Amino acid sequence: MDGLSLKYGCTTPINAEAELARLMIERTHGQVIVVADHSKWGIVSNFEMARLDQIHLLVTNEGFETRRGQNWRPASSKQSLPGRKPMDAIPAEFE
């Protein structure tokens, strides 16, 4: 994923990547989890991977809150903190 925006959701410049992501989301029986740092917010690429309403959990860093403002909030959000292992940000049910 290269970008995340209100209007276009999760996007990528690679069509095959977008098609695969859409297929995985369509077939999943669980939550859709997106891992993206704050620099992805507001970026739009050519192909849509997922709409924002399809995202259940966003794992991100502290800068995301500042960049996105109050326009969108996923069903759940976890922030990874500097100095912590990446898995510390993932809910226990996914470990």
Protein backbone atom coordinates (compact mmCIF):
# COMPACT_ATOMS: atom_id res chain seq x y z
CA MET A 1 0.00 0.00 0.00
CA ASP A 2 1.34 3.38 -0.97
CA GLY A 3 -1.44 5.67 0.17
CA LEU A 4 -4.45 6.06 2.44
CA SER A 5 -7.07 8.76 1.86
CA LEU A 6 -10.67 9.58 2.77
CA LYS A 7 -11.89 9.60 -0.81
CA TYR A 8 -9.94 6.68 -2.30
CA GLY A 9 -9.11 4.45 0.70
CA CYS A 10 -5.97 2.27 0.46
CA THR A 11 -4.25 2.62 -2.89
CA THR A 12 -1.20 1.30 -4.73
CA PRO A 13 0.46 2.06 -8.09
CA ILE A 14 0.51 -1.66 -8.99
CA ASN A 15 -2.70 -3.10 -10.42
CA ALA A 16 -1.82 -6.75 -9.66
CA GLU A 17 -1.15 -5.85 -6.00
CA ALA A 18 -4.51 -4.09 -5.79
CA GLU A 19 -6.35 -7.04 -7.35
CA LEU A 20 -4.73 -9.50 -4.93
CA ALA A 21 -5.52 -7.32 -1.91
CA ARG A 22 -9.17 -6.94 -2.97
CA LEU A 23 -9.46 -10.72 -3.41
CA MET A 24 -7.95 -11.39 0.03
CA ILE A 25 -10.32 -8.88 1.65
CA GLU A 26 -13.31 -10.39 -0.16
CA ARG A 27 -12.42 -13.90 1.03
CA THR A 28 -11.38 -13.13 4.59
CA HIS A 29 -13.43 -14.38 7.52
CA GLY A 30 -11.63 -12.11 9.97
CA GLN A 31 -10.66 -8.52 10.40
CA VAL A 32 -8.94 -6.40 7.78
CA ILE A 33 -5.75 -5.02 9.34
CA VAL A 34 -3.74 -2.24 7.72
CA VAL A 35 -0.21 -1.39 8.81
CA ALA A 36 0.83 2.09 7.66
CA ASP A 37 2.91 4.92 9.06
CA HIS A 38 1.71 8.53 9.08
CA SER A 39 3.43 9.35 5.78
CA LYS A 40 0.83 7.27 3.88
CA TRP A 41 -2.10 9.49 4.91
CA GLY A 42 -3.28 11.79 2.12
CA ILE A 43 -1.34 9.94 -0.57
CA VAL A 44 -3.32 8.59 -3.54
CA SER A 45 -2.04 6.06 -6.07
CA ASN A 46 -3.64 4.63 -9.21
CA PHE A 47 -5.43 1.50 -7.95
CA GLU A 48 -7.79 0.99 -5.00
CA MET A 49 -7.01 -1.88 -2.63
CA ALA A 50 -9.66 -1.27 0.04
CA ARG A 51 -12.26 1.29 1.02
CA LEU A 52 -11.86 2.84 4.44
CA ASP A 53 -15.09 1.25 5.66
CA GLN A 54 -13.51 -2.18 5.07
CA ILE A 55 -10.67 -1.54 7.54
CA HIS A 56 -11.19 -2.93 11.06
CA LEU A 57 -7.78 -2.19 12.57
CA LEU A 58 -5.10 0.32 11.68
CA VAL A 59 -1.63 -0.18 13.14
CA THR A 60 0.29 3.07 12.78
CA ASN A 61 2.70 5.46 14.46
CA GLU A 62 2.12 8.55 16.57
CA GLY A 63 2.27 11.00 13.65
CA PHE A 64 -0.87 9.57 12.05
CA GLU A 65 -3.29 11.33 14.42
CA THR A 66 -1.82 14.73 13.55
CA ARG A 67 -1.86 14.17 9.78
CA ARG A 68 -5.35 12.76 9.40
CA GLY A 69 -7.18 15.22 11.65
CA GLN A 70 -10.62 14.16 12.88
CA ASN A 71 -12.06 13.11 9.51
CA TRP A 72 -11.77 9.34 9.83
CA ARG A 73 -11.27 6.79 12.56
CA PRO A 74 -11.03 3.04 11.91
CA ALA A 75 -13.05 0.63 14.03
CA SER A 76 -9.86 0.14 16.05
CA SER A 77 -6.43 1.72 16.00
CA LYS A 78 -3.15 0.76 17.62
CA GLN A 79 0.01 2.83 17.58
CA SER A 80 3.42 1.29 17.69
CA LEU A 81 5.68 3.26 19.97
CA PRO A 82 9.38 3.97 19.43
CA GLY A 83 11.56 1.39 21.14
CA ARG A 84 8.87 -1.31 21.18
CA LYS A 85 8.83 -4.44 19.08
CA PRO A 86 6.31 -4.27 16.20
CA MET A 87 4.32 -7.19 17.61
CA ASP A 88 3.63 -5.19 20.79
CA ALA A 89 1.11 -3.18 18.76
CA ILE A 90 -0.85 -6.22 17.54
CA PRO A 91 -3.84 -7.37 19.60
CA ALA A 92 -3.31 -10.66 21.47
CA GLU A 93 -5.87 -12.52 19.36
CA PHE A 94 -3.65 -12.07 16.27
CA GLU A 95 -0.34 -13.12 17.81
